[in-house]
Amino acid sequence: MKRLYSATVNSLRGLHHGLWHEPALREEAIILVAAVPFGVLIAPTWAWYVAMVGALLAVLSVELLNTAVEKLADHTTPGQHPEIGAVKDYGSAAVFCMLGVAGLIWIVAAILRVGRF
């Protein structure tokens, strides 16, 4: 039980730090908070709602991982380095792909919802 408590505290500390210091994380968190109630209006079913919110949580997760990779890369190699730049670009591309997935899920849900009227 102590391990679970410690893991939760560490996770919340990381989330807090990221939201406080990283604008991209903050923006995505704001979108998530706004989307939770708005998604109820758009989602054709509860399963779609879960998928829609889950996709946004996945965006936030990938952004957190990208931020972690960037921070570690900056710490280990503070100067410009082409290979480190490529690693950072890979992380950015992962976020971009996840945003695409989330966008597709929300667009299809909205189309299905409009089609029901």
PDB file of N, CA and C in Angstrom:
ATOM      1  N   MET A   1       0.825  -1.185   0.000  1.00  0.00           N
ATOM      2  CA  MET A   1       0.000   0.000   0.000  1.00  0.00           C
ATOM      3  C   MET A   1       0.876   1.259   0.000  1.00  0.00           C
ATOM      4  N   LYS A   2       2.008   1.186   0.710  1.00  0.00           N
ATOM      5  CA  LYS A   2       2.904   2.333   0.768  1.00  0.00           C
ATOM      6  C   LYS A   2       3.487   2.637  -0.613  1.00  0.00           C
ATOM      7  N   ARG A   3       3.801   1.586  -1.364  1.00  0.00           N
ATOM      8  CA  ARG A   3       4.346   1.768  -2.710  1.00  0.00           C
ATOM      9  C   ARG A   3       3.332   2.452  -3.607  1.00  0.00           C
ATOM     10  N   LEU A   4       2.070   2.057  -3.533  1.00  0.00           N
ATOM     11  CA  LEU A   4       1.012   2.672  -4.326  1.00  0.00           C
ATOM     12  C   LEU A   4       0.852   4.147  -3.959  1.00  0.00           C
ATOM     13  N   TYR A   5       0.893   4.437  -2.675  1.00  0.00           N
ATOM     14  CA  TYR A   5       0.798   5.821  -2.210  1.00  0.00           C
ATOM     15  C   TYR A   5       1.967   6.650  -2.760  1.00  0.00           C
ATOM     16  N   SER A   6       3.184   6.115  -2.647  1.00  0.00           N
ATOM     17  CA  SER A   6       4.371   6.828  -3.136  1.00  0.00           C
ATOM     18  C   SER A   6       4.303   7.052  -4.644  1.00  0.00           C
ATOM     19  N   ALA A   7       3.867   6.040  -5.370  1.00  0.00           N
ATOM     20  CA  ALA A   7       3.750   6.166  -6.824  1.00  0.00           C
ATOM     21  C   ALA A   7       2.723   7.239  -7.192  1.00  0.00           C
ATOM     22  N   THR A   8       1.621   7.287  -6.454  1.00  0.00           N
ATOM     23  CA  THR A   8       0.599   8.300  -6.709  1.00  0.00           C
ATOM     24  C   THR A   8       1.133   9.699  -6.429  1.00  0.00           C
ATOM     25  N   VAL A   9       1.834   9.857  -5.320  1.00  0.00           N
ATOM     26  CA  VAL A   9       2.411  11.163  -4.970  1.00  0.00           C
ATOM     27  C   VAL A   9       3.417  11.600  -6.036  1.00  0.00           C
ATOM     28  N   ASN A  10       4.269  10.678  -6.474  1.00  0.00           N
ATOM     29  CA  ASN A  10       5.255  11.008  -7.509  1.00  0.00           C
ATOM     30  C   ASN A  10       4.579  11.393  -8.818  1.00  0.00           C
ATOM     31  N   SER A  11       3.540  10.664  -9.179  1.00  0.00           N
ATOM     32  CA  SER A  11       2.815  10.965 -10.418  1.00  0.00           C
ATOM     33  C   SER A  11       2.157  12.330 -10.358  1.00  0.00           C
ATOM     34  N   LEU A  12       1.511  12.619  -9.247  1.00  0.00           N
ATOM     35  CA  LEU A  12       0.856  13.922  -9.100  1.00  0.00           C
ATOM     36  C   LEU A  12       1.876  15.062  -9.075  1.00  0.00           C
ATOM     37  N   ARG A  13       3.035  14.815  -8.465  1.00  0.00           N
ATOM     38  CA  ARG A  13       4.092  15.823  -8.444  1.00  0.00           C
ATOM     39  C   ARG A  13       4.589  16.086  -9.871  1.00  0.00           C
ATOM     40  N   GLY A  14       4.773  15.033 -10.640  1.00  0.00           N
ATOM     41  CA  GLY A  14       5.207  15.191 -12.030  1.00  0.00           C
ATOM     42  C   GLY A  14       4.174  15.918 -12.870  1.00  0.00           C
ATOM     43  N   LEU A  15       2.909  15.575 -12.672  1.00  0.00           N
ATOM     44  CA  LEU A  15       1.840  16.249 -13.402  1.00  0.00           C
ATOM     45  C   LEU A  15       1.780  17.725 -13.027  1.00  0.00           C
ATOM     46  N   HIS A  16       1.866  18.012 -11.746  1.00  0.00           N
ATOM     47  CA  HIS A  16       1.850  19.396 -11.271  1.00  0.00           C
ATOM     48  C   HIS A  16       3.019  20.188 -11.855  1.00  0.00           C
ATOM     49  N   HIS A  17       4.205  19.612 -11.798  1.00  0.00           N
ATOM     50  CA  HIS A  17       5.391  20.294 -12.325  1.00  0.00           C
ATOM     51  C   HIS A  17       5.239  20.550 -13.825  1.00  0.00           C
ATOM     52  N   GLY A  18       4.780  19.547 -14.544  1.00  0.00           N
ATOM     53  CA  GLY A  18       4.607  19.711 -15.984  1.00  0.00           C
ATOM     54  C   GLY A  18       3.577  20.768 -16.336  1.00  0.00           C
ATOM     55  N   LEU A  19       2.468  20.769 -15.635  1.00  0.00           N
ATOM     56  CA  LEU A  19       1.424  21.758 -15.902  1.00  0.00           C
ATOM     57  C   LEU A  19       1.897  23.166 -15.549  1.00  0.00           C
ATOM     58  N   TRP A  20       2.714  23.278 -14.533  1.00  0.00           N
ATOM     59  CA  TRP A  20       3.196  24.580 -14.084  1.00  0.00           C
ATOM     60  C   TRP A  20       4.266  25.151 -15.020  1.00  0.00           C
ATOM     61  N   HIS A  21       5.107  24.261 -15.602  1.00  0.00           N
ATOM     62  CA  HIS A  21       6.276  24.718 -16.348  1.00  0.00           C
ATOM     63  C   HIS A  21       6.205  24.512 -17.857  1.00  0.00           C
ATOM     64  N   GLU A  22       5.263  23.757 -18.345  1.00  0.00           N
ATOM     65  CA  GLU A  22       5.225  23.443 -19.777  1.00  0.00           C
ATOM     66  C   GLU A  22       3.929  23.950 -20.413  1.00  0.00           C
ATOM     67  N   PRO A  23       4.019  24.964 -21.264  1.00  0.00           N
ATOM     68  CA  PRO A  23       2.806  25.524 -21.879  1.00  0.00           C
ATOM     69  C   PRO A  23       1.999  24.511 -22.697  1.00  0.00           C
ATOM     70  N   ALA A  24       2.665  23.620 -23.427  1.00  0.00           N
ATOM     71  CA  ALA A  24       1.936  22.638 -24.238  1.00  0.00           C
ATOM     72  C   ALA A  24       1.097  21.717 -23.350  1.00  0.00           C
ATOM     73  N   LEU A  25       1.656  21.285 -22.236  1.00  0.00           N
ATOM     74  CA  LEU A  25       0.912  20.444 -21.299  1.00  0.00           C
ATOM     75  C   LEU A  25      -0.278  21.199 -20.719  1.00  0.00           C
ATOM     76  N   ARG A  26      -0.050  22.457 -20.399  1.00  0.00           N
ATOM     77  CA  ARG A  26      -1.121  23.280 -19.838  1.00  0.00           C
ATOM     78  C   ARG A  26      -2.267  23.426 -20.843  1.00  0.00           C
ATOM     79  N   GLU A  27      -1.926  23.704 -22.094  1.00  0.00           N
ATOM     80  CA  GLU A  27      -2.951  23.859 -23.127  1.00  0.00           C
ATOM     81  C   GLU A  27      -3.743  22.571 -23.314  1.00  0.00           C
ATOM     82  N   GLU A  28      -3.055  21.450 -23.360  1.00  0.00           N
ATOM     83  CA  GLU A  28      -3.741  20.171 -23.547  1.00  0.00           C
ATOM     84  C   GLU A  28      -4.592  19.815 -22.339  1.00  0.00           C
ATOM     85  N   ALA A  29      -4.140  20.167 -21.149  1.00  0.00           N
ATOM     86  CA  ALA A  29      -4.932  19.920 -19.940  1.00  0.00           C
ATOM     87  C   ALA A  29      -6.199  20.787 -19.944  1.00  0.00           C
ATOM     88  N   ILE A  30      -6.076  22.026 -20.393  1.00  0.00           N
ATOM     89  CA  ILE A  30      -7.251  22.905 -20.478  1.00  0.00           C
ATOM     90  C   ILE A  30      -8.255  22.335 -21.478  1.00  0.00           C
ATOM     91  N   ILE A  31      -7.767  21.859 -22.601  1.00  0.00           N
ATOM     92  CA  ILE A  31      -8.658  21.237 -23.594  1.00  0.00           C
ATOM     93  C   ILE A  31      -9.343  20.020 -22.991  1.00  0.00           C
ATOM     94  N   LEU A  32      -8.597  19.202 -22.248  1.00  0.00           N
ATOM     95  CA  LEU A  32      -9.180  18.026 -21.608  1.00  0.00           C
ATOM     96  C   LEU A  32     -10.276  18.416 -20.631  1.00  0.00           C
ATOM     97  N   VAL A  33     -10.007  19.402 -19.788  1.00  0.00           N
ATOM     98  CA  VAL A  33     -10.990  19.834 -18.792  1.00  0.00           C
ATOM     99  C   VAL A  33     -12.249  20.364 -19.481  1.00  0.00           C
ATOM    100  N   ALA A  34     -12.072  21.118 -20.556  1.00  0.00           N
ATOM    101  CA  ALA A  34     -13.234  21.639 -21.288  1.00  0.00           C
ATOM    102  C   ALA A  34     -13.968  20.527 -22.037  1.00  0.00           C
ATOM    103  N   ALA A  35     -13.226  19.541 -22.511  1.00  0.00           N
ATOM    104  CA  ALA A  35     -13.815  18.481 -23.324  1.00  0.00           C
ATOM    105  C   ALA A  35     -14.638  17.493 -22.509  1.00  0.00           C
ATOM    106  N   VAL A  36     -14.316  17.330 -21.237  1.00  0.00           N
ATOM    107  CA  VAL A  36     -15.053  16.350 -20.424  1.00  0.00           C
ATOM    108  C   VAL A  36     -16.548  16.666 -20.404  1.00  0.00           C
ATOM    109  N   PRO A  37     -16.975  17.878 -20.075  1.00  0.00           N
ATOM    110  CA  PRO A  37     -18.414  18.141 -20.131  1.00  0.00           C
ATOM    111  C   PRO A  37     -18.934  18.304 -21.562  1.00  0.00           C
ATOM    112  N   PHE A  38     -18.133  18.910 -22.446  1.00  0.00           N
ATOM    113  CA  PHE A  38     -18.563  19.135 -23.821  1.00  0.00           C
ATOM    114  C   PHE A  38     -18.738  17.817 -24.568  1.00  0.00           C
ATOM    115  N   GLY A  39     -17.890  16.842 -24.241  1.00  0.00           N
ATOM    116  CA  GLY A  39     -17.965  15.537 -24.897  1.00  0.00           C
ATOM    117  C   GLY A  39     -19.284  14.825 -24.664  1.00  0.00           C
ATOM    118  N   VAL A  40     -19.910  15.081 -23.525  1.00  0.00           N
ATOM    119  CA  VAL A  40     -21.210  14.462 -23.239  1.00  0.00           C
ATOM    120  C   VAL A  40     -22.234  14.889 -24.287  1.00  0.00           C
ATOM    121  N   LEU A  41     -22.137  16.129 -24.750  1.00  0.00           N
ATOM    122  CA  LEU A  41     -23.073  16.636 -25.749  1.00  0.00           C
ATOM    123  C   LEU A  41     -22.794  16.086 -27.138  1.00  0.00           C
ATOM    124  N   ILE A  42     -21.535  15.790 -27.413  1.00  0.00           N
ATOM    125  CA  ILE A  42     -21.148  15.338 -28.751  1.00  0.00           C
ATOM    126  C   ILE A  42     -21.216  13.819 -28.916  1.00  0.00           C
ATOM    127  N   ALA A  43     -20.832  13.102 -27.892  1.00  0.00           N
ATOM    128  CA  ALA A  43     -20.682  11.650 -27.999  1.00  0.00           C
ATOM    129  C   ALA A  43     -22.008  10.974 -28.348  1.00  0.00           C
ATOM    130  N   PRO A  44     -21.989  10.122 -29.365  1.00  0.00           N
ATOM    131  CA  PRO A  44     -23.215   9.404 -29.721  1.00  0.00           C
ATOM    132  C   PRO A  44     -23.623   8.356 -28.679  1.00  0.00           C
ATOM    133  N   THR A  45     -22.644   7.781 -27.991  1.00  0.00           N
ATOM    134  CA  THR A  45     -22.921   6.796 -26.938  1.00  0.00           C
ATOM    135  C   THR A  45     -21.888   6.996 -25.821  1.00  0.00           C
ATOM    136  N   TRP A  46     -22.123   6.299 -24.709  1.00  0.00           N
ATOM    137  CA  TRP A  46     -21.151   6.383 -23.606  1.00  0.00           C
ATOM    138  C   TRP A  46     -19.818   5.759 -23.989  1.00  0.00           C
ATOM    139  N   ALA A  47     -19.834   4.742 -24.834  1.00  0.00           N
ATOM    140  CA  ALA A  47     -18.581   4.134 -25.281  1.00  0.00           C
ATOM    141  C   ALA A  47     -17.769   5.143 -26.100  1.00  0.00           C
ATOM    142  N   TRP A  48     -18.441   5.894 -26.938  1.00  0.00           N
ATOM    143  CA  TRP A  48     -17.763   6.937 -27.694  1.00  0.00           C
ATOM    144  C   TRP A  48     -17.204   8.000 -26.754  1.00  0.00           C
ATOM    145  N   TYR A  49     -17.961   8.349 -25.744  1.00  0.00           N
ATOM    146  CA  TYR A  49     -17.510   9.351 -24.776  1.00  0.00           C
ATOM    147  C   TYR A  49     -16.216   8.895 -24.097  1.00  0.00           C
ATOM    148  N   VAL A  50     -16.188   7.653 -23.694  1.00  0.00           N
ATOM    149  CA  VAL A  50     -14.980   7.106 -23.063  1.00  0.00           C
ATOM    150  C   VAL A  50     -13.807   7.148 -24.040  1.00  0.00           C
ATOM    151  N   ALA A  51     -14.057   6.789 -25.293  1.00  0.00           N
ATOM    152  CA  ALA A  51     -12.996   6.824 -26.300  1.00  0.00           C
ATOM    153  C   ALA A  51     -12.512   8.256 -26.542  1.00  0.00           C
ATOM    154  N   MET A  52     -13.436   9.201 -26.574  1.00  0.00           N
ATOM    155  CA  MET A  52     -13.081  10.599 -26.812  1.00  0.00           C
ATOM    156  C   MET A  52     -12.221  11.160 -25.686  1.00  0.00           C
ATOM    157  N   VAL A  53     -12.651  10.945 -24.462  1.00  0.00           N
ATOM    158  CA  VAL A  53     -11.882  11.433 -23.313  1.00  0.00           C
ATOM    159  C   VAL A  53     -10.571  10.642 -23.202  1.00  0.00           C
ATOM    160  N   GLY A  54     -10.634   9.354 -23.443  1.00  0.00           N
ATOM    161  CA  GLY A  54      -9.422   8.530 -23.405  1.00  0.00           C
ATOM    162  C   GLY A  54      -8.382   8.983 -24.417  1.00  0.00           C
ATOM    163  N   ALA A  55      -8.829   9.380 -25.594  1.00  0.00           N
ATOM    164  CA  ALA A  55      -7.892   9.867 -26.610  1.00  0.00           C
ATOM    165  C   ALA A  55      -7.196  11.145 -26.139  1.00  0.00           C
ATOM    166  N   LEU A  56      -7.938  12.014 -25.473  1.00  0.00           N
ATOM    167  CA  LEU A  56      -7.320  13.245 -24.961  1.00  0.00           C
ATOM    168  C   LEU A  56      -6.363  12.953 -23.803  1.00  0.00           C
ATOM    169  N   LEU A  57      -6.702  11.970 -22.983  1.00  0.00           N
ATOM    170  CA  LEU A  57      -5.766  11.550 -21.932  1.00  0.00           C
ATOM    171  C   LEU A  57      -4.497  10.956 -22.549  1.00  0.00           C
ATOM    172  N   ALA A  58      -4.662  10.237 -23.653  1.00  0.00           N
ATOM    173  CA  ALA A  58      -3.497   9.684 -24.349  1.00  0.00           C
ATOM    174  C   ALA A  58      -2.629  10.800 -24.928  1.00  0.00           C
ATOM    175  N   VAL A  59      -3.253  11.856 -25.448  1.00  0.00           N
ATOM    176  CA  VAL A  59      -2.487  13.013 -25.931  1.00  0.00           C
ATOM    177  C   VAL A  59      -1.659  13.590 -24.787  1.00  0.00           C
ATOM    178  N   LEU A  60      -2.285  13.772 -23.649  1.00  0.00           N
ATOM    179  CA  LEU A  60      -1.579  14.314 -22.483  1.00  0.00           C
ATOM    180  C   LEU A  60      -0.434  13.385 -22.070  1.00  0.00           C
ATOM    181  N   SER A  61      -0.670  12.093 -22.116  1.00  0.00           N
ATOM    182  CA  SER A  61       0.369  11.115 -21.752  1.00  0.00           C
ATOM    183  C   SER A  61       1.556  11.175 -22.704  1.00  0.00           C
ATOM    184  N   VAL A  62       1.275  11.224 -24.001  1.00  0.00           N
ATOM    185  CA  VAL A  62       2.363  11.287 -24.981  1.00  0.00           C
ATOM    186  C   VAL A  62       3.127  12.604 -24.831  1.00  0.00           C
ATOM    187  N   GLU A  63       2.414  13.688 -24.554  1.00  0.00           N
ATOM    188  CA  GLU A  63       3.073  14.982 -24.337  1.00  0.00           C
ATOM    189  C   GLU A  63       3.977  14.930 -23.102  1.00  0.00           C
ATOM    190  N   LEU A  64       3.515  14.278 -22.045  1.00  0.00           N
ATOM    191  CA  LEU A  64       4.350  14.125 -20.847  1.00  0.00           C
ATOM    192  C   LEU A  64       5.616  13.334 -21.161  1.00  0.00           C
ATOM    193  N   LEU A  65       5.474  12.255 -21.922  1.00  0.00           N
ATOM    194  CA  LEU A  65       6.648  11.464 -22.298  1.00  0.00           C
ATOM    195  C   LEU A  65       7.585  12.272 -23.192  1.00  0.00           C
ATOM    196  N   ASN A  66       7.023  13.025 -24.131  1.00  0.00           N
ATOM    197  CA  ASN A  66       7.843  13.866 -24.996  1.00  0.00           C
ATOM    198  C   ASN A  66       8.602  14.901 -24.175  1.00  0.00           C
ATOM    199  N   THR A  67       7.922  15.503 -23.218  1.00  0.00           N
ATOM    200  CA  THR A  67       8.570  16.495 -22.359  1.00  0.00           C
ATOM    201  C   THR A  67       9.693  15.854 -21.558  1.00  0.00           C
ATOM    202  N   ALA A  68       9.460  14.648 -21.058  1.00  0.00           N
ATOM    203  CA  ALA A  68      10.495  13.949 -20.289  1.00  0.00           C
ATOM    204  C   ALA A  68      11.724  13.680 -21.160  1.00  0.00           C
ATOM    205  N   VAL A  69      11.502  13.234 -22.386  1.00  0.00           N
ATOM    206  CA  VAL A  69      12.621  12.967 -23.299  1.00  0.00           C
ATOM    207  C   VAL A  69      13.375  14.258 -23.602  1.00  0.00           C
ATOM    208  N   GLU A  70      12.644  15.336 -23.858  1.00  0.00           N
ATOM    209  CA  GLU A  70      13.298  16.615 -24.156  1.00  0.00           C
ATOM    210  C   GLU A  70      14.113  17.120 -22.967  1.00  0.00           C
ATOM    211  N   LYS A  71      13.549  17.028 -21.769  1.00  0.00           N
ATOM    212  CA  LYS A  71      14.273  17.481 -20.579  1.00  0.00           C
ATOM    213  C   LYS A  71      15.535  16.650 -20.355  1.00  0.00           C
ATOM    214  N   LEU A  72      15.414  15.339 -20.534  1.00  0.00           N
ATOM    215  CA  LEU A  72      16.580  14.470 -20.367  1.00  0.00           C
ATOM    216  C   LEU A  72      17.632  14.767 -21.431  1.00  0.00           C
ATOM    217  N   ALA A  73      17.196  14.979 -22.659  1.00  0.00           N
ATOM    218  CA  ALA A  73      18.137  15.295 -23.739  1.00  0.00           C
ATOM    219  C   ALA A  73      18.842  16.616 -23.467  1.00  0.00           C
ATOM    220  N   ASP A  74      18.104  17.621 -23.003  1.00  0.00           N
ATOM    221  CA  ASP A  74      18.718  18.912 -22.679  1.00  0.00           C
ATOM    222  C   ASP A  74      19.700  18.793 -21.524  1.00  0.00           C
ATOM    223  N   HIS A  75      19.389  17.922 -20.583  1.00  0.00           N
ATOM    224  CA  HIS A  75      20.272  17.748 -19.426  1.00  0.00           C
ATOM    225  C   HIS A  75      21.578  17.057 -19.816  1.00  0.00           C
ATOM    226  N   THR A  76      21.471  16.048 -20.667  1.00  0.00           N
ATOM    227  CA  THR A  76      22.664  15.286 -21.039  1.00  0.00           C
ATOM    228  C   THR A  76      23.493  15.984 -22.107  1.00  0.00           C
ATOM    229  N   THR A  77      22.840  16.716 -22.993  1.00  0.00           N
ATOM    230  CA  THR A  77      23.535  17.410 -24.076  1.00  0.00           C
ATOM    231  C   THR A  77      22.969  18.815 -24.193  1.00  0.00           C
ATOM    232  N   PRO A  78      23.476  19.757 -23.382  1.00  0.00           N
ATOM    233  CA  PRO A  78      22.892  21.099 -23.361  1.00  0.00           C
ATOM    234  C   PRO A  78      23.030  21.864 -24.682  1.00  0.00           C
ATOM    235  N   GLY A  79      24.090  21.614 -25.443  1.00  0.00           N
ATOM    236  CA  GLY A  79      24.301  22.336 -26.698  1.00  0.00           C
ATOM    237  C   GLY A  79      23.512  21.738 -27.850  1.00  0.00           C
ATOM    238  N   GLN A  80      23.645  22.371 -29.006  1.00  0.00           N
ATOM    239  CA  GLN A  80      23.003  21.859 -30.217  1.00  0.00           C
ATOM    240  C   GLN A  80      23.706  20.580 -30.666  1.00  0.00           C
ATOM    241  N   HIS A  81      22.922  19.568 -30.968  1.00  0.00           N
ATOM    242  CA  HIS A  81      23.470  18.312 -31.451  1.00  0.00           C
ATOM    243  C   HIS A  81      22.456  17.718 -32.423  1.00  0.00           C
ATOM    244  N   PRO A  82      22.877  17.385 -33.645  1.00  0.00           N
ATOM    245  CA  PRO A  82      21.910  16.927 -34.652  1.00  0.00           C
ATOM    246  C   PRO A  82      21.150  15.654 -34.253  1.00  0.00           C
ATOM    247  N   GLU A  83      21.815  14.730 -33.602  1.00  0.00           N
ATOM    248  CA  GLU A  83      21.130  13.492 -33.216  1.00  0.00           C
ATOM    249  C   GLU A  83      20.138  13.729 -32.082  1.00  0.00           C
ATOM    250  N   ILE A  84      20.482  14.605 -31.141  1.00  0.00           N
ATOM    251  CA  ILE A  84      19.543  14.956 -30.071  1.00  0.00           C
ATOM    252  C   ILE A  84      18.357  15.704 -30.670  1.00  0.00           C
ATOM    253  N   GLY A  85      18.633  16.554 -31.655  1.00  0.00           N
ATOM    254  CA  GLY A  85      17.545  17.257 -32.343  1.00  0.00           C
ATOM    255  C   GLY A  85      16.591  16.283 -33.000  1.00  0.00           C
ATOM    256  N   ALA A  86      17.134  15.222 -33.603  1.00  0.00           N
ATOM    257  CA  ALA A  86      16.286  14.210 -34.234  1.00  0.00           C
ATOM    258  C   ALA A  86      15.444  13.482 -33.189  1.00  0.00           C
ATOM    259  N   VAL A  87      16.032  13.179 -32.034  1.00  0.00           N
ATOM    260  CA  VAL A  87      15.289  12.512 -30.959  1.00  0.00           C
ATOM    261  C   VAL A  87      14.123  13.385 -30.509  1.00  0.00           C
ATOM    262  N   LYS A  88      14.377  14.671 -30.347  1.00  0.00           N
ATOM    263  CA  LYS A  88      13.307  15.589 -29.960  1.00  0.00           C
ATOM    264  C   LYS A  88      12.226  15.662 -31.029  1.00  0.00           C
ATOM    265  N   ASP A  89      12.638  15.635 -32.286  1.00  0.00           N
ATOM    266  CA  ASP A  89      11.663  15.650 -33.383  1.00  0.00           C
ATOM    267  C   ASP A  89      10.797  14.388 -33.375  1.00  0.00           C
ATOM    268  N   TYR A  90      11.388  13.259 -33.032  1.00  0.00           N
ATOM    269  CA  TYR A  90      10.606  12.017 -32.940  1.00  0.00           C
ATOM    270  C   TYR A  90       9.518  12.156 -31.881  1.00  0.00           C
ATOM    271  N   GLY A  91       9.878  12.721 -30.729  1.00  0.00           N
ATOM    272  CA  GLY A  91       8.890  12.929 -29.681  1.00  0.00           C
ATOM    273  C   GLY A  91       7.790  13.867 -30.125  1.00  0.00           C
ATOM    274  N   SER A  92       8.163  14.916 -30.817  1.00  0.00           N
ATOM    275  CA  SER A  92       7.179  15.863 -31.340  1.00  0.00           C
ATOM    276  C   SER A  92       6.268  15.184 -32.358  1.00  0.00           C
ATOM    277  N   ALA A  93       6.842  14.339 -33.190  1.00  0.00           N
ATOM    278  CA  ALA A  93       6.039  13.609 -34.177  1.00  0.00           C
ATOM    279  C   ALA A  93       5.054  12.661 -33.491  1.00  0.00           C
ATOM    280  N   ALA A  94       5.461  12.064 -32.386  1.00  0.00           N
ATOM    281  CA  ALA A  94       4.560  11.182 -31.638  1.00  0.00           C
ATOM    282  C   ALA A  94       3.363  11.965 -31.103  1.00  0.00           C
ATOM    283  N   VAL A  95       3.617  13.157 -30.582  1.00  0.00           N
ATOM    284  CA  VAL A  95       2.526  14.007 -30.098  1.00  0.00           C
ATOM    285  C   VAL A  95       1.613  14.369 -31.261  1.00  0.00           C
ATOM    286  N   PHE A  96       2.189  14.728 -32.390  1.00  0.00           N
ATOM    287  CA  PHE A  96       1.417  15.088 -33.577  1.00  0.00           C
ATOM    288  C   PHE A  96       0.506  13.938 -34.015  1.00  0.00           C
ATOM    289  N   CYS A  97       1.062  12.731 -34.035  1.00  0.00           N
ATOM    290  CA  CYS A  97       0.260  11.560 -34.422  1.00  0.00           C
ATOM    291  C   CYS A  97      -0.888  11.334 -33.449  1.00  0.00           C
ATOM    292  N   MET A  98      -0.624  11.462 -32.161  1.00  0.00           N
ATOM    293  CA  MET A  98      -1.673  11.250 -31.163  1.00  0.00           C
ATOM    294  C   MET A  98      -2.738  12.329 -31.260  1.00  0.00           C
ATOM    295  N   LEU A  99      -2.345  13.561 -31.545  1.00  0.00           N
ATOM    296  CA  LEU A  99      -3.331  14.622 -31.763  1.00  0.00           C
ATOM    297  C   LEU A  99      -4.206  14.292 -32.963  1.00  0.00           C
ATOM    298  N   GLY A 100      -3.602  13.704 -34.001  1.00  0.00           N
ATOM    299  CA  GLY A 100      -4.372  13.282 -35.171  1.00  0.00           C
ATOM    300  C   GLY A 100      -5.389  12.211 -34.828  1.00  0.00           C
ATOM    301  N   VAL A 101      -4.974  11.236 -34.041  1.00  0.00           N
ATOM    302  CA  VAL A 101      -5.894  10.179 -33.611  1.00  0.00           C
ATOM    303  C   VAL A 101      -7.045  10.768 -32.805  1.00  0.00           C
ATOM    304  N   ALA A 102      -6.715  11.619 -31.839  1.00  0.00           N
ATOM    305  CA  ALA A 102      -7.756  12.240 -31.012  1.00  0.00           C
ATOM    306  C   ALA A 102      -8.700  13.076 -31.866  1.00  0.00           C
ATOM    307  N   GLY A 103      -8.136  13.835 -32.792  1.00  0.00           N
ATOM    308  CA  GLY A 103      -8.971  14.641 -33.680  1.00  0.00           C
ATOM    309  C   GLY A 103      -9.915  13.794 -34.507  1.00  0.00           C
ATOM    310  N   LEU A 104      -9.414  12.692 -35.041  1.00  0.00           N
ATOM    311  CA  LEU A 104     -10.269  11.793 -35.827  1.00  0.00           C
ATOM    312  C   LEU A 104     -11.405  11.218 -34.987  1.00  0.00           C
ATOM    313  N   ILE A 105     -11.086  10.811 -33.780  1.00  0.00           N
ATOM    314  CA  ILE A 105     -12.114  10.243 -32.900  1.00  0.00           C
ATOM    315  C   ILE A 105     -13.202  11.278 -32.633  1.00  0.00           C
ATOM    316  N   TRP A 106     -12.809  12.507 -32.318  1.00  0.00           N
ATOM    317  CA  TRP A 106     -13.790  13.558 -32.014  1.00  0.00           C
ATOM    318  C   TRP A 106     -14.592  13.934 -33.259  1.00  0.00           C
ATOM    319  N   ILE A 107     -13.952  13.984 -34.422  1.00  0.00           N
ATOM    320  CA  ILE A 107     -14.663  14.332 -35.661  1.00  0.00           C
ATOM    321  C   ILE A 107     -15.682  13.254 -36.013  1.00  0.00           C
ATOM    322  N   VAL A 108     -15.284  11.995 -35.940  1.00  0.00           N
ATOM    323  CA  VAL A 108     -16.216  10.906 -36.263  1.00  0.00           C
ATOM    324  C   VAL A 108     -17.372  10.885 -35.270  1.00  0.00           C
ATOM    325  N   ALA A 109     -17.095  11.100 -34.003  1.00  0.00           N
ATOM    326  CA  ALA A 109     -18.163  11.141 -33.002  1.00  0.00           C
ATOM    327  C   ALA A 109     -19.149  12.259 -33.315  1.00  0.00           C
ATOM    328  N   ALA A 110     -18.631  13.422 -33.686  1.00  0.00           N
ATOM    329  CA  ALA A 110     -19.512  14.546 -34.019  1.00  0.00           C
ATOM    330  C   ALA A 110     -20.341  14.240 -35.260  1.00  0.00           C
ATOM    331  N   ILE A 111     -19.728  13.618 -36.254  1.00  0.00           N
ATOM    332  CA  ILE A 111     -20.466  13.253 -37.477  1.00  0.00           C
ATOM    333  C   ILE A 111     -21.569  12.252 -37.153  1.00  0.00           C
ATOM    334  N   LEU A 112     -21.251  11.262 -36.344  1.00  0.00           N
ATOM    335  CA  LEU A 112     -22.260  10.271 -35.955  1.00  0.00           C
ATOM    336  C   LEU A 112     -23.384  10.932 -35.153  1.00  0.00           C
ATOM    337  N   ARG A 113     -23.034  11.850 -34.294  1.00  0.00           N
ATOM    338  CA  ARG A 113     -24.044  12.532 -33.478  1.00  0.00           C
ATOM    339  C   ARG A 113     -24.974  13.368 -34.351  1.00  0.00           C
ATOM    340  N   VAL A 114     -24.412  14.111 -35.279  1.00  0.00           N
ATOM    341  CA  VAL A 114     -25.222  14.936 -36.179  1.00  0.00           C
ATOM    342  C   VAL A 114     -26.081  14.052 -37.065  1.00  0.00           C
ATOM    343  N   GLY A 115     -25.552  12.932 -37.478  1.00  0.00           N
ATOM    344  CA  GLY A 115     -26.301  12.000 -38.333  1.00  0.00           C
ATOM    345  C   GLY A 115     -27.506  11.401 -37.634  1.00  0.00           C
ATOM    346  N   ARG A 116     -27.531  11.423 -36.318  1.00  0.00           N
ATOM    347  CA  ARG A 116     -28.661  10.842 -35.567  1.00  0.00           C
ATOM    348  C   ARG A 116     -29.854  11.780 -35.509  1.00  0.00           C
ATOM    349  N   PHE A 117     -29.663  13.060 -35.840  1.00  0.00           N
ATOM    350  CA  PHE A 117     -30.760  14.003 -35.757  1.00  0.00           C
ATOM    351  C   PHE A 117     -31.539  14.075 -37.039  1.00  0.00           C
TER     352      PHE A 117
END
